[in-house]
């Protein structure tokens, strides 16, 4: 199926210009899918494979680069306040959902790695608004293997407002650890929109606090979700996804672990493995978009879905996905895997 690709800039409530993009089927979409990318990543190239794949199966897919990420303005990969990311995404996603063409469409979040935390926090802001989420190797709990000692956290906290932007946090090469296929790994490394330096101090602490806050409140997750994780993932522990699955209050929840797969389930594995993962994702979405729920139109009439705090900066720029591929280097996605183990409370 041919897919239409569009780009536009918006301005958030703090006056920061943010990049957004979308992949649309040529016919009326089955439902809406909103992308939340991972730390240091971006949507237009890195998640293009995800966008085109889902759009080719009839879903309208929308992405936004967080402040300081990708094509958006702001200090590179500096997260002053994690809730700013959540608020920007929530406002933009509601702005899209409130448009006339989309008011009666079901709404799904899609989060990879740190984007999984963003998706869960968006859901927490307005649980009744969302019909479900795809969570790929989500950052929603700190593994006991890597949790910093409280003394270390205390020391760093004392200087975070003195040197908030310093790139002093030691980390391993995440790209090497996340993406298994060497060819895809180098394609990702060559993407200049992806942040590949050490994390800034404030950014690292915000991510740590966010993970710990989510860990303490996993029982507050009530929406349907499908969590996917590679069993050989060394970036986010598969036990994190198990904890989410076990502790969430959702009645409709599914987990699938892929033996031998790494963190980059939808972009760093072999093509066969990536197709397997997307096949599972699309099957889950297809089952749930058909479920009979209260009319979205009535929902919007009751609460309003206008996405406050969003200002358009530029008109939508349109191009076919076929043309876009010729004009840009081949991009990647985020998180890919394999395997056969799946547990669920509702049928796939």
C-alpha atoms as a PDB file:
ATOM      1  CA  UNK A   1       0.000   0.000   0.000  1.00  0.00           C
ATOM      2  CA  UNK A   2       1.319   3.452  -0.903  1.00  0.00           C
ATOM      3  CA  UNK A   3       1.893   5.770   2.058  1.00  0.00           C
ATOM      4  CA  UNK A   4       1.832   9.552   2.214  1.00  0.00           C
ATOM      5  CA  UNK A   5       4.485  11.261   4.356  1.00  0.00           C
ATOM      6  CA  UNK A   6       4.081  14.763   5.805  1.00  0.00           C
ATOM      7  CA  UNK A   7       6.129  17.127   7.991  1.00  0.00           C
ATOM      8  CA  UNK A   8       5.320  20.282   9.915  1.00  0.00           C
ATOM      9  CA  UNK A   9       6.657  22.381  12.788  1.00  0.00           C
ATOM     10  CA  UNK A  10       4.658  23.405  15.825  1.00  0.00           C
ATOM     11  CA  UNK A  11       5.441  25.633  18.798  1.00  0.00           C
ATOM     12  CA  UNK A  12       4.820  24.381  22.322  1.00  0.00           C
ATOM     13  CA  UNK A  13       3.532  26.341  25.307  1.00  0.00           C
ATOM     14  CA  UNK A  14       7.120  27.351  26.204  1.00  0.00           C
ATOM     15  CA  UNK A  15       7.714  28.845  22.741  1.00  0.00           C
ATOM     16  CA  UNK A  16      10.017  26.040  21.556  1.00  0.00           C
ATOM     17  CA  UNK A  17       9.719  24.962  17.920  1.00  0.00           C
ATOM     18  CA  UNK A  18       9.176  21.211  17.607  1.00  0.00           C
ATOM     19  CA  UNK A  19       9.342  18.977  14.548  1.00  0.00           C
ATOM     20  CA  UNK A  20       6.441  16.647  13.784  1.00  0.00           C
ATOM     21  CA  UNK A  21       5.806  14.137  11.017  1.00  0.00           C
ATOM     22  CA  UNK A  22       3.151  11.676   9.955  1.00  0.00           C
ATOM     23  CA  UNK A  23       2.645   8.644   7.733  1.00  0.00           C
ATOM     24  CA  UNK A  24      -0.857   8.286   6.320  1.00  0.00           C
ATOM     25  CA  UNK A  25      -2.641   5.574   4.337  1.00  0.00           C
ATOM     26  CA  UNK A  26      -4.357   6.932   1.237  1.00  0.00           C
ATOM     27  CA  UNK A  27      -7.736   5.701   2.497  1.00  0.00           C
ATOM     28  CA  UNK A  28      -9.434   6.596   5.773  1.00  0.00           C
ATOM     29  CA  UNK A  29      -7.268   5.162   8.594  1.00  0.00           C
ATOM     30  CA  UNK A  30      -8.361   2.311  10.817  1.00  0.00           C
ATOM     31  CA  UNK A  31      -7.058   4.105  13.906  1.00  0.00           C
ATOM     32  CA  UNK A  32      -4.404   6.568  15.090  1.00  0.00           C
ATOM     33  CA  UNK A  33      -0.974   5.562  16.384  1.00  0.00           C
ATOM     34  CA  UNK A  34       1.219   8.110  18.186  1.00  0.00           C
ATOM     35  CA  UNK A  35       4.974   7.503  18.331  1.00  0.00           C
ATOM     36  CA  UNK A  36       7.125   8.205  21.399  1.00  0.00           C
ATOM     37  CA  UNK A  37      10.790   7.755  20.449  1.00  0.00           C
ATOM     38  CA  UNK A  38      13.653   6.711  22.695  1.00  0.00           C
ATOM     39  CA  UNK A  39      16.372   8.732  24.389  1.00  0.00           C
ATOM     40  CA  UNK A  40      18.598  10.532  21.885  1.00  0.00           C
ATOM     41  CA  UNK A  41      16.506   9.306  18.959  1.00  0.00           C
ATOM     42  CA  UNK A  42      14.130  11.013  16.488  1.00  0.00           C
ATOM     43  CA  UNK A  43      11.139  10.160  14.313  1.00  0.00           C
ATOM     44  CA  UNK A  44      11.580  11.186  10.682  1.00  0.00           C
ATOM     45  CA  UNK A  45      14.465   8.841   9.822  1.00  0.00           C
ATOM     46  CA  UNK A  46      14.970   6.524  12.781  1.00  0.00           C
ATOM     47  CA  UNK A  47      11.294   5.575  13.140  1.00  0.00           C
ATOM     48  CA  UNK A  48      10.438   5.826   9.446  1.00  0.00           C
ATOM     49  CA  UNK A  49      10.329   2.056   9.091  1.00  0.00           C
ATOM     50  CA  UNK A  50       7.809   1.852  11.914  1.00  0.00           C
ATOM     51  CA  UNK A  51       5.704   4.673  10.469  1.00  0.00           C
ATOM     52  CA  UNK A  52       5.600   3.285   6.948  1.00  0.00           C
ATOM     53  CA  UNK A  53       4.937  -0.268   8.110  1.00  0.00           C
ATOM     54  CA  UNK A  54       1.956   0.666  10.290  1.00  0.00           C
ATOM     55  CA  UNK A  55       0.587   3.109   7.686  1.00  0.00           C
ATOM     56  CA  UNK A  56       0.815   0.434   5.007  1.00  0.00           C
ATOM     57  CA  UNK A  57      -1.563  -1.634   7.146  1.00  0.00           C
ATOM     58  CA  UNK A  58      -4.064   1.201   7.372  1.00  0.00           C
ATOM     59  CA  UNK A  59      -3.023   3.153  10.469  1.00  0.00           C
ATOM     60  CA  UNK A  60      -2.388   6.908  10.598  1.00  0.00           C
ATOM     61  CA  UNK A  61       0.939   7.347  12.393  1.00  0.00           C
ATOM     62  CA  UNK A  62       2.116  10.576  14.043  1.00  0.00           C
ATOM     63  CA  UNK A  63       5.537  11.369  15.493  1.00  0.00           C
ATOM     64  CA  UNK A  64       7.116  14.295  17.326  1.00  0.00           C
ATOM     65  CA  UNK A  65      10.777  14.978  18.130  1.00  0.00           C
ATOM     66  CA  UNK A  66      11.104  15.944  21.784  1.00  0.00           C
ATOM     67  CA  UNK A  67      12.659  19.289  22.683  1.00  0.00           C
ATOM     68  CA  UNK A  68      16.413  19.033  22.069  1.00  0.00           C
ATOM     69  CA  UNK A  69      16.000  15.870  19.990  1.00  0.00           C
ATOM     70  CA  UNK A  70      16.151  15.303  16.237  1.00  0.00           C
ATOM     71  CA  UNK A  71      14.942  18.286  14.230  1.00  0.00           C
ATOM     72  CA  UNK A  72      13.356  20.079  17.194  1.00  0.00           C
ATOM     73  CA  UNK A  73      14.909  23.162  18.792  1.00  0.00           C
ATOM     74  CA  UNK A  74      16.600  23.145  22.203  1.00  0.00           C
ATOM     75  CA  UNK A  75      19.926  22.130  23.742  1.00  0.00           C
ATOM     76  CA  UNK A  76      20.883  18.744  22.325  1.00  0.00           C
ATOM     77  CA  UNK A  77      19.398  15.960  24.422  1.00  0.00           C
ATOM     78  CA  UNK A  78      19.037  18.160  27.484  1.00  0.00           C
ATOM     79  CA  UNK A  79      15.982  17.171  29.512  1.00  0.00           C
ATOM     80  CA  UNK A  80      15.427  19.901  32.075  1.00  0.00           C
ATOM     81  CA  UNK A  81      12.109  18.436  33.180  1.00  0.00           C
ATOM     82  CA  UNK A  82      10.793  15.088  31.974  1.00  0.00           C
ATOM     83  CA  UNK A  83       7.223  16.245  32.362  1.00  0.00           C
ATOM     84  CA  UNK A  84       7.854  18.840  29.617  1.00  0.00           C
ATOM     85  CA  UNK A  85       8.250  15.971  27.141  1.00  0.00           C
ATOM     86  CA  UNK A  86       5.092  14.303  28.406  1.00  0.00           C
ATOM     87  CA  UNK A  87       3.094  17.545  28.222  1.00  0.00           C
ATOM     88  CA  UNK A  88       4.328  18.404  24.710  1.00  0.00           C
ATOM     89  CA  UNK A  89       3.449  14.942  23.401  1.00  0.00           C
ATOM     90  CA  UNK A  90       0.096  14.847  25.153  1.00  0.00           C
ATOM     91  CA  UNK A  91      -0.897  18.273  23.825  1.00  0.00           C
ATOM     92  CA  UNK A  92       0.157  17.459  20.272  1.00  0.00           C
ATOM     93  CA  UNK A  93      -1.486  14.039  20.250  1.00  0.00           C
ATOM     94  CA  UNK A  94      -4.764  15.517  21.542  1.00  0.00           C
ATOM     95  CA  UNK A  95      -4.530  18.305  18.976  1.00  0.00           C
ATOM     96  CA  UNK A  96      -4.328  15.696  16.203  1.00  0.00           C
ATOM     97  CA  UNK A  97      -7.052  13.551  17.744  1.00  0.00           C
ATOM     98  CA  UNK A  98      -9.405  16.523  17.879  1.00  0.00           C
ATOM     99  CA  UNK A  99      -9.221  17.225  14.141  1.00  0.00           C
ATOM    100  CA  UNK A 100     -12.417  16.544  12.228  1.00  0.00           C
ATOM    101  CA  UNK A 101     -11.003  13.655  10.186  1.00  0.00           C
ATOM    102  CA  UNK A 102      -9.782  11.842  13.313  1.00  0.00           C
ATOM    103  CA  UNK A 103     -12.345  12.565  16.025  1.00  0.00           C
ATOM    104  CA  UNK A 104     -14.033   9.182  15.711  1.00  0.00           C
ATOM    105  CA  UNK A 105     -10.830   7.142  15.421  1.00  0.00           C
ATOM    106  CA  UNK A 106      -9.397   4.963  18.179  1.00  0.00           C
ATOM    107  CA  UNK A 107      -6.144   6.205  19.690  1.00  0.00           C
ATOM    108  CA  UNK A 108      -3.064   4.104  20.486  1.00  0.00           C
ATOM    109  CA  UNK A 109       0.301   5.093  21.951  1.00  0.00           C
ATOM    110  CA  UNK A 110       3.515   3.496  20.700  1.00  0.00           C
ATOM    111  CA  UNK A 111       6.626   3.896  22.874  1.00  0.00           C
ATOM    112  CA  UNK A 112      10.121   2.501  22.454  1.00  0.00           C
ATOM    113  CA  UNK A 113      12.660   2.394  25.291  1.00  0.00           C
ATOM    114  CA  UNK A 114      12.463   5.810  27.026  1.00  0.00           C
ATOM    115  CA  UNK A 115       9.435   6.445  24.822  1.00  0.00           C
ATOM    116  CA  UNK A 116       7.703   3.669  26.747  1.00  0.00           C
ATOM    117  CA  UNK A 117       7.998   5.808  29.876  1.00  0.00           C
ATOM    118  CA  UNK A 118       6.653   8.797  27.943  1.00  0.00           C
ATOM    119  CA  UNK A 119       3.674   6.752  26.739  1.00  0.00           C
ATOM    120  CA  UNK A 120       2.866   5.471  30.230  1.00  0.00           C
ATOM    121  CA  UNK A 121       3.004   8.989  31.669  1.00  0.00           C
ATOM    122  CA  UNK A 122       0.804  10.346  28.869  1.00  0.00           C
ATOM    123  CA  UNK A 123      -1.706   7.658  29.786  1.00  0.00           C
ATOM    124  CA  UNK A 124      -1.490   8.650  33.459  1.00  0.00           C
ATOM    125  CA  UNK A 125      -2.439  12.244  32.601  1.00  0.00           C
ATOM    126  CA  UNK A 126      -5.730  11.120  31.065  1.00  0.00           C
ATOM    127  CA  UNK A 127      -6.340   7.353  31.358  1.00  0.00           C
ATOM    128  CA  UNK A 128      -9.793   7.407  29.728  1.00  0.00           C
ATOM    129  CA  UNK A 129      -8.494   9.040  26.558  1.00  0.00           C
ATOM    130  CA  UNK A 130      -6.357   6.149  25.297  1.00  0.00           C
ATOM    131  CA  UNK A 131      -7.476   2.851  23.823  1.00  0.00           C
ATOM    132  CA  UNK A 132      -4.155   1.077  24.285  1.00  0.00           C
ATOM    133  CA  UNK A 133      -0.382   1.119  23.914  1.00  0.00           C
ATOM    134  CA  UNK A 134       2.448  -0.765  22.234  1.00  0.00           C
ATOM    135  CA  UNK A 135       5.480  -0.722  24.560  1.00  0.00           C
ATOM    136  CA  UNK A 136       8.743  -1.896  23.004  1.00  0.00           C
ATOM    137  CA  UNK A 137      11.516  -2.600  25.552  1.00  0.00           C
ATOM    138  CA  UNK A 138      10.092   0.175  27.745  1.00  0.00           C
ATOM    139  CA  UNK A 139      11.992   2.170  30.354  1.00  0.00           C
ATOM    140  CA  UNK A 140       9.526   1.801  33.215  1.00  0.00           C
ATOM    141  CA  UNK A 141      11.601   0.380  36.058  1.00  0.00           C
ATOM    142  CA  UNK A 142      15.269   0.467  37.033  1.00  0.00           C
ATOM    143  CA  UNK A 143      16.830  -2.977  36.958  1.00  0.00           C
ATOM    144  CA  UNK A 144      18.433  -4.005  40.230  1.00  0.00           C
ATOM    145  CA  UNK A 145      21.538  -4.829  38.171  1.00  0.00           C
ATOM    146  CA  UNK A 146      22.172  -1.170  37.327  1.00  0.00           C
ATOM    147  CA  UNK A 147      20.302   0.838  39.984  1.00  0.00           C
ATOM    148  CA  UNK A 148      22.717   3.475  41.394  1.00  0.00           C
ATOM    149  CA  UNK A 149      23.483   3.468  45.103  1.00  0.00           C
ATOM    150  CA  UNK A 150      21.447   6.070  47.026  1.00  0.00           C
ATOM    151  CA  UNK A 151      24.674   7.787  48.087  1.00  0.00           C
ATOM    152  CA  UNK A 152      25.668   8.267  44.430  1.00  0.00           C
ATOM    153  CA  UNK A 153      22.243   9.681  43.591  1.00  0.00           C
ATOM    154  CA  UNK A 154      22.458  12.056  46.547  1.00  0.00           C
ATOM    155  CA  UNK A 155      25.881  13.344  45.484  1.00  0.00           C
ATOM    156  CA  UNK A 156      24.810  13.959  41.895  1.00  0.00           C
ATOM    157  CA  UNK A 157      21.601  15.656  42.988  1.00  0.00           C
ATOM    158  CA  UNK A 158      23.584  18.206  44.987  1.00  0.00           C
ATOM    159  CA  UNK A 159      25.379  19.465  41.867  1.00  0.00           C
ATOM    160  CA  UNK A 160      22.692  19.016  39.189  1.00  0.00           C
ATOM    161  CA  UNK A 161      21.648  22.675  39.303  1.00  0.00           C
ATOM    162  CA  UNK A 162      25.279  23.826  39.229  1.00  0.00           C
ATOM    163  CA  UNK A 163      26.377  21.822  36.189  1.00  0.00           C
ATOM    164  CA  UNK A 164      23.084  20.556  34.709  1.00  0.00           C
ATOM    165  CA  UNK A 165      24.284  20.358  31.094  1.00  0.00           C
ATOM    166  CA  UNK A 166      27.658  18.781  31.722  1.00  0.00           C
ATOM    167  CA  UNK A 167      28.200  15.565  29.768  1.00  0.00           C
ATOM    168  CA  UNK A 168      29.780  13.720  32.667  1.00  0.00           C
ATOM    169  CA  UNK A 169      27.661  10.596  33.044  1.00  0.00           C
ATOM    170  CA  UNK A 170      29.719   7.528  32.054  1.00  0.00           C
ATOM    171  CA  UNK A 171      27.850   5.067  29.839  1.00  0.00           C
ATOM    172  CA  UNK A 172      28.616   2.255  27.449  1.00  0.00           C
ATOM    173  CA  UNK A 173      28.027   2.722  23.728  1.00  0.00           C
ATOM    174  CA  UNK A 174      24.253   2.267  23.563  1.00  0.00           C
ATOM    175  CA  UNK A 175      24.190   1.797  19.780  1.00  0.00           C
ATOM    176  CA  UNK A 176      26.658  -1.095  20.028  1.00  0.00           C
ATOM    177  CA  UNK A 177      24.617  -2.634  22.829  1.00  0.00           C
ATOM    178  CA  UNK A 178      21.164  -2.063  21.338  1.00  0.00           C
ATOM    179  CA  UNK A 179      21.321  -3.019  17.665  1.00  0.00           C
ATOM    180  CA  UNK A 180      22.346  -6.539  16.769  1.00  0.00           C
ATOM    181  CA  UNK A 181      22.660  -6.429  12.974  1.00  0.00           C
ATOM    182  CA  UNK A 182      26.038  -4.777  12.144  1.00  0.00           C
ATOM    183  CA  UNK A 183      24.829  -3.186   8.892  1.00  0.00           C
ATOM    184  CA  UNK A 184      21.768  -1.645  10.528  1.00  0.00           C
ATOM    185  CA  UNK A 185      23.911  -0.583  13.471  1.00  0.00           C
ATOM    186  CA  UNK A 186      26.193   1.463  11.221  1.00  0.00           C
ATOM    187  CA  UNK A 187      23.219   2.995   9.406  1.00  0.00           C
ATOM    188  CA  UNK A 188      21.894   4.153  12.756  1.00  0.00           C
ATOM    189  CA  UNK A 189      25.302   5.465  13.817  1.00  0.00           C
ATOM    190  CA  UNK A 190      25.511   7.527  10.618  1.00  0.00           C
ATOM    191  CA  UNK A 191      22.228   9.307  11.430  1.00  0.00           C
ATOM    192  CA  UNK A 192      23.415  12.748  12.543  1.00  0.00           C
ATOM    193  CA  UNK A 193      20.058  13.504  14.138  1.00  0.00           C
ATOM    194  CA  UNK A 194      20.720  10.843  16.785  1.00  0.00           C
ATOM    195  CA  UNK A 195      22.538  12.031  19.925  1.00  0.00           C
ATOM    196  CA  UNK A 196      25.630   9.875  20.515  1.00  0.00           C
ATOM    197  CA  UNK A 197      27.545  11.718  23.247  1.00  0.00           C
ATOM    198  CA  UNK A 198      27.528  11.136  27.013  1.00  0.00           C
ATOM    199  CA  UNK A 199      24.256  11.973  28.781  1.00  0.00           C
ATOM    200  CA  UNK A 200      24.028  15.350  30.485  1.00  0.00           C
ATOM    201  CA  UNK A 201      23.828  15.262  34.277  1.00  0.00           C
ATOM    202  CA  UNK A 202      20.328  16.740  34.577  1.00  0.00           C
ATOM    203  CA  UNK A 203      19.071  14.498  31.774  1.00  0.00           C
ATOM    204  CA  UNK A 204      20.372  11.352  33.470  1.00  0.00           C
ATOM    205  CA  UNK A 205      18.819  12.290  36.804  1.00  0.00           C
ATOM    206  CA  UNK A 206      15.472  13.131  35.207  1.00  0.00           C
ATOM    207  CA  UNK A 207      15.415   9.742  33.495  1.00  0.00           C
ATOM    208  CA  UNK A 208      16.359   8.024  36.754  1.00  0.00           C
ATOM    209  CA  UNK A 209      13.652   9.812  38.738  1.00  0.00           C
ATOM    210  CA  UNK A 210      11.087   9.081  36.031  1.00  0.00           C
ATOM    211  CA  UNK A 211      11.919   5.369  36.013  1.00  0.00           C
ATOM    212  CA  UNK A 212      11.784   5.129  39.789  1.00  0.00           C
ATOM    213  CA  UNK A 213       8.474   7.009  39.870  1.00  0.00           C
ATOM    214  CA  UNK A 214       6.975   4.677  37.301  1.00  0.00           C
ATOM    215  CA  UNK A 215       8.284   1.643  39.160  1.00  0.00           C
ATOM    216  CA  UNK A 216       6.442   2.732  42.294  1.00  0.00           C
ATOM    217  CA  UNK A 217       3.160   3.163  40.419  1.00  0.00           C
ATOM    218  CA  UNK A 218       2.966   0.377  37.853  1.00  0.00           C
ATOM    219  CA  UNK A 219      -0.360  -0.653  39.371  1.00  0.00           C
ATOM    220  CA  UNK A 220      -1.835   2.629  38.044  1.00  0.00           C
ATOM    221  CA  UNK A 221      -1.533   1.403  34.439  1.00  0.00           C
ATOM    222  CA  UNK A 222      -5.084   0.565  33.379  1.00  0.00           C
ATOM    223  CA  UNK A 223      -5.149   0.776  29.572  1.00  0.00           C
ATOM    224  CA  UNK A 224      -4.796  -2.251  27.289  1.00  0.00           C
ATOM    225  CA  UNK A 225      -1.160  -2.779  26.354  1.00  0.00           C
ATOM    226  CA  UNK A 226       1.208  -5.081  24.524  1.00  0.00           C
ATOM    227  CA  UNK A 227       4.739  -5.101  25.921  1.00  0.00           C
ATOM    228  CA  UNK A 228       7.509  -6.632  23.806  1.00  0.00           C
ATOM    229  CA  UNK A 229      11.090  -7.272  24.868  1.00  0.00           C
ATOM    230  CA  UNK A 230      14.181  -9.056  23.580  1.00  0.00           C
ATOM    231  CA  UNK A 231      15.475 -11.627  26.066  1.00  0.00           C
ATOM    232  CA  UNK A 232      19.084 -10.725  25.213  1.00  0.00           C
ATOM    233  CA  UNK A 233      18.474  -6.998  25.784  1.00  0.00           C
ATOM    234  CA  UNK A 234      21.281  -5.423  27.859  1.00  0.00           C
ATOM    235  CA  UNK A 235      19.980  -1.833  27.597  1.00  0.00           C
ATOM    236  CA  UNK A 236      16.667  -2.334  29.393  1.00  0.00           C
ATOM    237  CA  UNK A 237      16.200  -5.510  31.424  1.00  0.00           C
ATOM    238  CA  UNK A 238      13.421  -7.863  30.217  1.00  0.00           C
ATOM    239  CA  UNK A 239      12.477  -8.250  33.892  1.00  0.00           C
ATOM    240  CA  UNK A 240      11.316  -4.629  33.711  1.00  0.00           C
ATOM    241  CA  UNK A 241       8.637  -5.621  31.206  1.00  0.00           C
ATOM    242  CA  UNK A 242       7.709  -8.641  33.323  1.00  0.00           C
ATOM    243  CA  UNK A 243       7.180  -6.340  36.294  1.00  0.00           C
ATOM    244  CA  UNK A 244       4.953  -4.053  34.232  1.00  0.00           C
ATOM    245  CA  UNK A 245       2.910  -6.989  32.992  1.00  0.00           C
ATOM    246  CA  UNK A 246       2.500  -8.497  36.454  1.00  0.00           C
ATOM    247  CA  UNK A 247       1.726  -5.306  38.380  1.00  0.00           C
ATOM    248  CA  UNK A 248      -0.388  -3.297  35.926  1.00  0.00           C
ATOM    249  CA  UNK A 249      -4.102  -3.152  36.706  1.00  0.00           C
ATOM    250  CA  UNK A 250      -5.056  -3.495  33.028  1.00  0.00           C
ATOM    251  CA  UNK A 251      -7.537  -6.259  32.294  1.00  0.00           C
ATOM    252  CA  UNK A 252      -6.246  -6.527  28.731  1.00  0.00           C
ATOM    253  CA  UNK A 253      -2.475  -6.947  28.829  1.00  0.00           C
ATOM    254  CA  UNK A 254      -0.085  -9.009  26.748  1.00  0.00           C
ATOM    255  CA  UNK A 255       3.643  -9.686  27.001  1.00  0.00           C
ATOM    256  CA  UNK A 256       5.935 -11.324  24.484  1.00  0.00           C
ATOM    257  CA  UNK A 257       9.611 -12.068  25.011  1.00  0.00           C
ATOM    258  CA  UNK A 258      11.818 -12.819  22.010  1.00  0.00           C
ATOM    259  CA  UNK A 259      14.707 -15.241  22.678  1.00  0.00           C
ATOM    260  CA  UNK A 260      18.069 -14.059  21.378  1.00  0.00           C
ATOM    261  CA  UNK A 261      16.867 -10.599  20.377  1.00  0.00           C
ATOM    262  CA  UNK A 262      18.446  -7.374  21.593  1.00  0.00           C
ATOM    263  CA  UNK A 263      17.055  -3.963  22.528  1.00  0.00           C
ATOM    264  CA  UNK A 264      16.473  -2.695  18.973  1.00  0.00           C
ATOM    265  CA  UNK A 265      13.559  -4.980  18.147  1.00  0.00           C
ATOM    266  CA  UNK A 266      12.135  -3.012  15.239  1.00  0.00           C
ATOM    267  CA  UNK A 267      15.392  -1.730  13.771  1.00  0.00           C
ATOM    268  CA  UNK A 268      18.446  -3.667  14.875  1.00  0.00           C
ATOM    269  CA  UNK A 269      17.542  -7.254  14.062  1.00  0.00           C
ATOM    270  CA  UNK A 270      17.466  -9.197  10.806  1.00  0.00           C
ATOM    271  CA  UNK A 271      14.688  -8.343   8.385  1.00  0.00           C
ATOM    272  CA  UNK A 272      12.910 -11.613   9.197  1.00  0.00           C
ATOM    273  CA  UNK A 273      12.935 -10.861  12.915  1.00  0.00           C
ATOM    274  CA  UNK A 274      11.721  -7.313  12.361  1.00  0.00           C
ATOM    275  CA  UNK A 275       8.879  -8.598  10.175  1.00  0.00           C
ATOM    276  CA  UNK A 276       7.960 -11.044  12.935  1.00  0.00           C
ATOM    277  CA  UNK A 277       7.806  -8.267  15.529  1.00  0.00           C
ATOM    278  CA  UNK A 278       5.702  -5.986  13.355  1.00  0.00           C
ATOM    279  CA  UNK A 279       3.436  -8.888  12.492  1.00  0.00           C
ATOM    280  CA  UNK A 280       2.711  -9.311  16.211  1.00  0.00           C
ATOM    281  CA  UNK A 281       2.184  -5.564  16.676  1.00  0.00           C
ATOM    282  CA  UNK A 282      -0.204  -5.258  13.744  1.00  0.00           C
ATOM    283  CA  UNK A 283      -2.180  -8.324  14.844  1.00  0.00           C
ATOM    284  CA  UNK A 284      -2.594  -6.797  18.312  1.00  0.00           C
ATOM    285  CA  UNK A 285      -3.719  -3.456  16.876  1.00  0.00           C
ATOM    286  CA  UNK A 286      -6.099  -5.021  14.358  1.00  0.00           C
ATOM    287  CA  UNK A 287      -7.833  -6.967  17.125  1.00  0.00           C
ATOM    288  CA  UNK A 288      -8.347  -3.921  19.331  1.00  0.00           C
ATOM    289  CA  UNK A 289      -9.277  -1.221  16.875  1.00  0.00           C
ATOM    290  CA  UNK A 290     -12.338  -3.299  16.038  1.00  0.00           C
ATOM    291  CA  UNK A 291     -13.494  -3.560  19.657  1.00  0.00           C
ATOM    292  CA  UNK A 292     -16.775  -1.809  20.348  1.00  0.00           C
ATOM    293  CA  UNK A 293     -16.271   1.124  22.736  1.00  0.00           C
ATOM    294  CA  UNK A 294     -18.075   4.361  23.500  1.00  0.00           C
ATOM    295  CA  UNK A 295     -18.073   6.766  20.566  1.00  0.00           C
ATOM    296  CA  UNK A 296     -14.951   8.919  20.337  1.00  0.00           C
ATOM    297  CA  UNK A 297     -17.084  11.744  19.012  1.00  0.00           C
ATOM    298  CA  UNK A 298     -19.150  11.751  22.169  1.00  0.00           C
ATOM    299  CA  UNK A 299     -15.935  11.673  24.219  1.00  0.00           C
ATOM    300  CA  UNK A 300     -14.557  14.754  22.493  1.00  0.00           C
ATOM    301  CA  UNK A 301     -17.850  16.585  22.797  1.00  0.00           C
ATOM    302  CA  UNK A 302     -17.747  15.979  26.526  1.00  0.00           C
ATOM    303  CA  UNK A 303     -14.162  16.954  27.322  1.00  0.00           C
ATOM    304  CA  UNK A 304     -12.813  18.722  24.245  1.00  0.00           C
ATOM    305  CA  UNK A 305      -9.751  17.379  22.451  1.00  0.00           C
ATOM    306  CA  UNK A 306      -8.135  20.554  21.191  1.00  0.00           C
ATOM    307  CA  UNK A 307      -4.567  19.944  22.414  1.00  0.00           C
ATOM    308  CA  UNK A 308      -4.012  23.195  24.323  1.00  0.00           C
ATOM    309  CA  UNK A 309      -0.605  24.832  24.030  1.00  0.00           C
ATOM    310  CA  UNK A 310       0.012  23.876  20.402  1.00  0.00           C
ATOM    311  CA  UNK A 311       0.695  26.530  17.762  1.00  0.00           C
ATOM    312  CA  UNK A 312       1.377  25.685  14.107  1.00  0.00           C
ATOM    313  CA  UNK A 313       4.610  27.173  12.772  1.00  0.00           C
ATOM    314  CA  UNK A 314       4.606  25.888   9.191  1.00  0.00           C
ATOM    315  CA  UNK A 315       2.038  24.289   6.906  1.00  0.00           C
ATOM    316  CA  UNK A 316       2.159  20.570   6.331  1.00  0.00           C
ATOM    317  CA  UNK A 317       4.722  19.550   3.716  1.00  0.00           C
ATOM    318  CA  UNK A 318       3.531  16.513   1.805  1.00  0.00           C
ATOM    319  CA  UNK A 319       5.345  13.924  -0.271  1.00  0.00           C
ATOM    320  CA  UNK A 320       4.708  10.325  -1.136  1.00  0.00           C
ATOM    321  CA  UNK A 321       6.727   7.766   0.788  1.00  0.00           C
ATOM    322  CA  UNK A 322       8.092   6.535  -2.529  1.00  0.00           C
ATOM    323  CA  UNK A 323       9.562   9.960  -3.318  1.00  0.00           C
ATOM    324  CA  UNK A 324      10.757  10.433   0.245  1.00  0.00           C
ATOM    325  CA  UNK A 325      12.869   7.303   0.035  1.00  0.00           C
ATOM    326  CA  UNK A 326      14.673   8.665  -3.017  1.00  0.00           C
ATOM    327  CA  UNK A 327      15.411  11.977  -1.332  1.00  0.00           C
ATOM    328  CA  UNK A 328      16.768  10.650   1.954  1.00  0.00           C
ATOM    329  CA  UNK A 329      19.171   8.025   3.129  1.00  0.00           C
ATOM    330  CA  UNK A 330      17.504   4.870   4.389  1.00  0.00           C
ATOM    331  CA  UNK A 331      16.496   5.375   8.034  1.00  0.00           C
ATOM    332  CA  UNK A 332      15.945   2.978  10.905  1.00  0.00           C
ATOM    333  CA  UNK A 333      13.460   2.431  13.686  1.00  0.00           C
ATOM    334  CA  UNK A 334      13.898   1.446  17.348  1.00  0.00           C
ATOM    335  CA  UNK A 335      13.809  -1.915  19.071  1.00  0.00           C
ATOM    336  CA  UNK A 336      13.462  -5.329  17.329  1.00  0.00           C
ATOM    337  CA  UNK A 337      13.304  -9.050  18.286  1.00  0.00           C
ATOM    338  CA  UNK A 338      12.196 -12.703  17.874  1.00  0.00           C
ATOM    339  CA  UNK A 339      10.787 -15.663  19.699  1.00  0.00           C
ATOM    340  CA  UNK A 340       7.585 -17.447  20.561  1.00  0.00           C
ATOM    341  CA  UNK A 341       6.782 -16.884  24.232  1.00  0.00           C
ATOM    342  CA  UNK A 342       3.648 -14.882  24.862  1.00  0.00           C
ATOM    343  CA  UNK A 343       1.358 -14.499  27.844  1.00  0.00           C
ATOM    344  CA  UNK A 344      -1.901 -12.613  27.698  1.00  0.00           C
ATOM    345  CA  UNK A 345      -5.203 -11.960  29.383  1.00  0.00           C
ATOM    346  CA  UNK A 346      -7.026 -11.492  26.101  1.00  0.00           C
ATOM    347  CA  UNK A 347      -6.701 -13.266  22.791  1.00  0.00           C
ATOM    348  CA  UNK A 348      -4.287 -11.809  20.227  1.00  0.00           C
END
